[in-house]
Amino acid sequence: MPSYHPPAAFSFKVDFLDVPGAGGDTEQRFQEVSGLSVEITTDELNEGGENGFTYKLPKRAKYPNLVLKRGMLPNSALRQWLQDAMSTYFIALDFSFKPSDILITLQNESGDPLAVWKVMQAYPVKWNTSDFKAADNALVVETIELAYQFFERQQ
C-alpha cells in the first residue's frame, strides 16, 4: 500500500485575475494567506414541549476576510489597485474600482498545482504595514485584507 504524505503548506501562489497590469506583480508570491474558510450559520428553534434539545436550522454560508501578507513593494500594479480602491472609499465615494477574482494555488515540489481555490469578487477593506523598529533587522511586511463573496475549490 503506497504511503500518503499531506502536501506542504509553504508552496503556493496567488493570482489576481482582474487587476490591471498583468505581467507585473498580479501573480503574487505571498508569505502568508489566511481566511480561506467557510462556516454555515444557523438559526435555533425551540419547540414547545421539547426540553432535551434545540433544533439548529441551516441558513447560509459565511466567509471571513482573506488576509494576505508579503514583503512591501514600492511600485506595483497590486498596490495601485489597492490605492484606487481606498481612495474611492474615502474621497470620491463613487466605488469606481473593480473587484478582482483571485486564484490561490497550492503547489507540489515541482510547482504543479495540487489544489486551486477561486475567490470571487474580492476587494480591499484594510491595508497596513509591519511596525518600523530601528533595533530590528526585519523586512517591512504589508498586510492586505480582502472581503469577498464566496470561493470554490476548482481542483
C-alpha atoms as a PDB file:
ATOM      1  CA  MET A   1       0.000   0.000   0.000  1.00  0.00           C
ATOM      2  CA  PRO A   2       1.545   3.337  -1.019  1.00  0.00           C
ATOM      3  CA  SER A   3       2.017   5.849   1.753  1.00  0.00           C
ATOM      4  CA  TYR A   4       0.300   9.218   1.626  1.00  0.00           C
ATOM      5  CA  HIS A   5       2.078  12.410   2.597  1.00  0.00           C
ATOM      6  CA  PRO A   6      -0.029  15.548   3.090  1.00  0.00           C
ATOM      7  CA  PRO A   7       1.130  18.487   0.945  1.00  0.00           C
ATOM      8  CA  ALA A   8       3.437  21.138   2.352  1.00  0.00           C
ATOM      9  CA  ALA A   9       1.750  24.477   3.036  1.00  0.00           C
ATOM     10  CA  PHE A  10       4.710  26.656   2.018  1.00  0.00           C
ATOM     11  CA  SER A  11       4.490  26.307  -1.768  1.00  0.00           C
ATOM     12  CA  PHE A  12       1.600  28.396  -3.082  1.00  0.00           C
ATOM     13  CA  LYS A  13       0.856  31.350  -5.313  1.00  0.00           C
ATOM     14  CA  VAL A  14      -1.884  33.956  -5.536  1.00  0.00           C
ATOM     15  CA  ASP A  15      -3.136  35.278  -8.891  1.00  0.00           C
ATOM     16  CA  PHE A  16      -5.234  38.466  -9.104  1.00  0.00           C
ATOM     17  CA  LEU A  17      -7.185  37.887 -12.317  1.00  0.00           C
ATOM     18  CA  ASP A  18      -8.818  41.286 -12.814  1.00  0.00           C
ATOM     19  CA  VAL A  19      -6.159  43.738 -11.639  1.00  0.00           C
ATOM     20  CA  PRO A  20      -4.814  45.935 -14.454  1.00  0.00           C
ATOM     21  CA  GLY A  21      -1.109  45.483 -15.142  1.00  0.00           C
ATOM     22  CA  ALA A  22      -0.917  41.765 -15.919  1.00  0.00           C
ATOM     23  CA  GLY A  23       2.647  40.569 -16.185  1.00  0.00           C
ATOM     24  CA  GLY A  24       3.748  42.706 -13.250  1.00  0.00           C
ATOM     25  CA  ASP A  25       3.029  41.590  -9.724  1.00  0.00           C
ATOM     26  CA  THR A  26      -0.507  40.328 -10.345  1.00  0.00           C
ATOM     27  CA  GLU A  27       0.799  36.778  -9.950  1.00  0.00           C
ATOM     28  CA  GLN A  28       1.950  37.117  -6.397  1.00  0.00           C
ATOM     29  CA  ARG A  29       4.212  35.232  -4.083  1.00  0.00           C
ATOM     30  CA  PHE A  30       2.893  36.000  -0.626  1.00  0.00           C
ATOM     31  CA  GLN A  31       4.445  34.751   2.573  1.00  0.00           C
ATOM     32  CA  GLU A  32       1.076  34.028   4.166  1.00  0.00           C
ATOM     33  CA  VAL A  33      -2.553  33.502   3.161  1.00  0.00           C
ATOM     34  CA  SER A  34      -5.288  33.081   5.780  1.00  0.00           C
ATOM     35  CA  GLY A  35      -9.057  33.291   5.928  1.00  0.00           C
ATOM     36  CA  LEU A  36      -9.829  30.663   3.302  1.00  0.00           C
ATOM     37  CA  SER A  37     -12.670  29.076   5.237  1.00  0.00           C
ATOM     38  CA  VAL A  38     -16.439  28.807   5.265  1.00  0.00           C
ATOM     39  CA  GLU A  39     -18.977  28.431   8.059  1.00  0.00           C
ATOM     40  CA  ILE A  40     -22.683  27.628   7.833  1.00  0.00           C
ATOM     41  CA  THR A  41     -24.709  29.923  10.068  1.00  0.00           C
ATOM     42  CA  THR A  42     -27.733  28.515  11.851  1.00  0.00           C
ATOM     43  CA  ASP A  43     -30.953  29.635  13.495  1.00  0.00           C
ATOM     44  CA  GLU A  44     -32.012  27.965  16.701  1.00  0.00           C
ATOM     45  CA  LEU A  45     -35.614  26.855  17.058  1.00  0.00           C
ATOM     46  CA  ASN A  46     -37.096  25.865  20.396  1.00  0.00           C
ATOM     47  CA  GLU A  47     -40.065  23.550  20.018  1.00  0.00           C
ATOM     48  CA  GLY A  48     -42.703  23.698  22.736  1.00  0.00           C
ATOM     49  CA  GLY A  49     -42.664  20.621  24.962  1.00  0.00           C
ATOM     50  CA  GLU A  50     -39.189  19.504  23.773  1.00  0.00           C
ATOM     51  CA  ASN A  51     -36.731  20.347  26.549  1.00  0.00           C
ATOM     52  CA  GLY A  52     -33.984  17.895  25.594  1.00  0.00           C
ATOM     53  CA  PHE A  53     -32.526  19.845  22.669  1.00  0.00           C
ATOM     54  CA  THR A  54     -32.877  22.838  20.375  1.00  0.00           C
ATOM     55  CA  TYR A  55     -33.254  22.470  16.622  1.00  0.00           C
ATOM     56  CA  LYS A  56     -30.486  24.127  14.609  1.00  0.00           C
ATOM     57  CA  LEU A  57     -31.599  25.111  11.128  1.00  0.00           C
ATOM     58  CA  PRO A  58     -29.008  25.993   8.466  1.00  0.00           C
ATOM     59  CA  LYS A  59     -29.211  29.488   6.966  1.00  0.00           C
ATOM     60  CA  ARG A  60     -26.325  30.496   4.702  1.00  0.00           C
ATOM     61  CA  ALA A  61     -22.603  30.314   4.266  1.00  0.00           C
ATOM     62  CA  LYS A  62     -20.388  32.907   5.943  1.00  0.00           C
ATOM     63  CA  TYR A  63     -16.891  33.722   4.661  1.00  0.00           C
ATOM     64  CA  PRO A  64     -14.272  35.613   6.694  1.00  0.00           C
ATOM     65  CA  ASN A  65     -11.963  38.171   5.098  1.00  0.00           C
ATOM     66  CA  LEU A  66      -8.970  36.871   3.167  1.00  0.00           C
ATOM     67  CA  VAL A  67      -5.682  38.092   4.663  1.00  0.00           C
ATOM     68  CA  LEU A  68      -2.520  38.212   2.522  1.00  0.00           C
ATOM     69  CA  LYS A  69       0.970  39.111   3.753  1.00  0.00           C
ATOM     70  CA  ARG A  70       4.052  39.911   1.676  1.00  0.00           C
ATOM     71  CA  GLY A  71       7.199  41.984   1.683  1.00  0.00           C
ATOM     72  CA  MET A  72       6.256  45.541   0.750  1.00  0.00           C
ATOM     73  CA  LEU A  73       6.795  46.507  -2.896  1.00  0.00           C
ATOM     74  CA  PRO A  74       7.095  50.260  -3.539  1.00  0.00           C
ATOM     75  CA  ASN A  75       5.571  50.284  -7.032  1.00  0.00           C
ATOM     76  CA  SER A  76       3.278  47.537  -8.192  1.00  0.00           C
ATOM     77  CA  ALA A  77       0.027  47.004 -10.046  1.00  0.00           C
ATOM     78  CA  LEU A  78      -1.500  45.482  -6.922  1.00  0.00           C
ATOM     79  CA  ARG A  79      -0.517  48.498  -4.805  1.00  0.00           C
ATOM     80  CA  GLN A  80      -2.107  50.792  -7.396  1.00  0.00           C
ATOM     81  CA  TRP A  81      -5.322  48.713  -7.329  1.00  0.00           C
ATOM     82  CA  LEU A  82      -5.356  48.968  -3.520  1.00  0.00           C
ATOM     83  CA  GLN A  83      -4.744  52.705  -3.618  1.00  0.00           C
ATOM     84  CA  ASP A  84      -7.505  53.230  -6.190  1.00  0.00           C
ATOM     85  CA  ALA A  85      -9.947  51.258  -4.039  1.00  0.00           C
ATOM     86  CA  MET A  86      -9.003  53.013  -0.803  1.00  0.00           C
ATOM     87  CA  SER A  87      -9.170  56.487  -2.336  1.00  0.00           C
ATOM     88  CA  THR A  88     -12.562  55.568  -3.801  1.00  0.00           C
ATOM     89  CA  TYR A  89     -13.813  54.677  -0.314  1.00  0.00           C
ATOM     90  CA  PHE A  90     -12.520  57.743   1.446  1.00  0.00           C
ATOM     91  CA  ILE A  91     -12.514  60.528  -1.144  1.00  0.00           C
ATOM     92  CA  ALA A  92     -14.809  60.065  -4.120  1.00  0.00           C
ATOM     93  CA  LEU A  93     -17.302  57.539  -2.714  1.00  0.00           C
ATOM     94  CA  ASP A  94     -18.220  56.565  -6.251  1.00  0.00           C
ATOM     95  CA  PHE A  95     -16.944  52.961  -5.990  1.00  0.00           C
ATOM     96  CA  SER A  96     -15.387  53.044  -9.458  1.00  0.00           C
ATOM     97  CA  PHE A  97     -12.713  50.413  -8.807  1.00  0.00           C
ATOM     98  CA  LYS A  98     -13.274  46.838  -9.957  1.00  0.00           C
ATOM     99  CA  PRO A  99     -13.297  43.839  -7.604  1.00  0.00           C
ATOM    100  CA  SER A 100     -11.000  41.016  -8.651  1.00  0.00           C
ATOM    101  CA  ASP A 101     -11.345  37.262  -8.772  1.00  0.00           C
ATOM    102  CA  ILE A 102      -8.339  35.555  -7.198  1.00  0.00           C
ATOM    103  CA  LEU A 103      -6.818  32.111  -7.714  1.00  0.00           C
ATOM    104  CA  ILE A 104      -4.973  30.563  -4.777  1.00  0.00           C
ATOM    105  CA  THR A 105      -2.920  27.601  -5.931  1.00  0.00           C
ATOM    106  CA  LEU A 106      -1.259  25.084  -3.618  1.00  0.00           C
ATOM    107  CA  GLN A 107       1.722  23.545  -5.435  1.00  0.00           C
ATOM    108  CA  ASN A 108       3.810  20.407  -5.145  1.00  0.00           C
ATOM    109  CA  GLU A 109       7.624  20.313  -5.094  1.00  0.00           C
ATOM    110  CA  SER A 110       7.748  20.718  -8.891  1.00  0.00           C
ATOM    111  CA  GLY A 111       5.428  23.738  -8.923  1.00  0.00           C
ATOM    112  CA  ASP A 112       2.479  21.780 -10.323  1.00  0.00           C
ATOM    113  CA  PRO A 113      -0.968  22.592  -8.877  1.00  0.00           C
ATOM    114  CA  LEU A 114      -2.269  20.285  -6.158  1.00  0.00           C
ATOM    115  CA  ALA A 115      -5.358  22.329  -5.273  1.00  0.00           C
ATOM    116  CA  VAL A 116      -6.842  25.558  -6.641  1.00  0.00           C
ATOM    117  CA  TRP A 117      -9.384  27.831  -4.965  1.00  0.00           C
ATOM    118  CA  LYS A 118     -11.138  30.615  -6.870  1.00  0.00           C
ATOM    119  CA  VAL A 119     -12.128  33.546  -4.666  1.00  0.00           C
ATOM    120  CA  MET A 120     -14.933  35.564  -6.226  1.00  0.00           C
ATOM    121  CA  GLN A 121     -15.209  39.371  -6.345  1.00  0.00           C
ATOM    122  CA  ALA A 122     -12.555  40.281  -3.774  1.00  0.00           C
ATOM    123  CA  TYR A 123     -11.978  43.901  -2.846  1.00  0.00           C
ATOM    124  CA  PRO A 124      -9.676  45.520  -0.277  1.00  0.00           C
ATOM    125  CA  VAL A 125     -11.046  46.530   3.100  1.00  0.00           C
ATOM    126  CA  LYS A 126      -7.794  47.022   5.037  1.00  0.00           C
ATOM    127  CA  TRP A 127      -4.096  47.575   4.386  1.00  0.00           C
ATOM    128  CA  ASN A 128      -1.263  48.025   6.866  1.00  0.00           C
ATOM    129  CA  THR A 129       2.472  47.538   7.263  1.00  0.00           C
ATOM    130  CA  SER A 130       4.530  45.972   9.989  1.00  0.00           C
ATOM    131  CA  ASP A 131       5.991  48.270  12.632  1.00  0.00           C
ATOM    132  CA  PHE A 132       9.208  50.132  11.890  1.00  0.00           C
ATOM    133  CA  LYS A 133      11.808  49.363  14.547  1.00  0.00           C
ATOM    134  CA  ALA A 134      15.394  50.625  14.414  1.00  0.00           C
ATOM    135  CA  ALA A 135      16.543  47.824  16.730  1.00  0.00           C
ATOM    136  CA  ASP A 136      15.227  45.027  14.480  1.00  0.00           C
ATOM    137  CA  ASN A 137      16.759  43.774  11.266  1.00  0.00           C
ATOM    138  CA  ALA A 138      13.436  42.827   9.643  1.00  0.00           C
ATOM    139  CA  LEU A 139      11.689  43.316   6.336  1.00  0.00           C
ATOM    140  CA  VAL A 140       8.674  45.577   6.025  1.00  0.00           C
ATOM    141  CA  VAL A 141       5.647  43.318   5.592  1.00  0.00           C
ATOM    142  CA  GLU A 142       2.387  44.643   4.219  1.00  0.00           C
ATOM    143  CA  THR A 143      -0.900  43.016   5.139  1.00  0.00           C
ATOM    144  CA  ILE A 144      -3.798  43.181   2.702  1.00  0.00           C
ATOM    145  CA  GLU A 145      -7.266  42.239   3.914  1.00  0.00           C
ATOM    146  CA  LEU A 146      -9.900  41.472   1.296  1.00  0.00           C
ATOM    147  CA  ALA A 147     -13.640  40.908   1.597  1.00  0.00           C
ATOM    148  CA  TYR A 148     -15.127  38.547  -0.992  1.00  0.00           C
ATOM    149  CA  GLN A 149     -18.431  36.943  -1.922  1.00  0.00           C
ATOM    150  CA  PHE A 150     -17.502  33.242  -1.820  1.00  0.00           C
ATOM    151  CA  PHE A 151     -14.888  30.771  -3.014  1.00  0.00           C
ATOM    152  CA  GLU A 152     -14.986  27.419  -4.760  1.00  0.00           C
ATOM    153  CA  ARG A 153     -12.368  24.732  -4.986  1.00  0.00           C
ATOM    154  CA  GLN A 154     -11.624  24.080  -8.633  1.00  0.00           C
ATOM    155  CA  GLN A 155      -9.079  21.304  -8.328  1.00  0.00           C
END
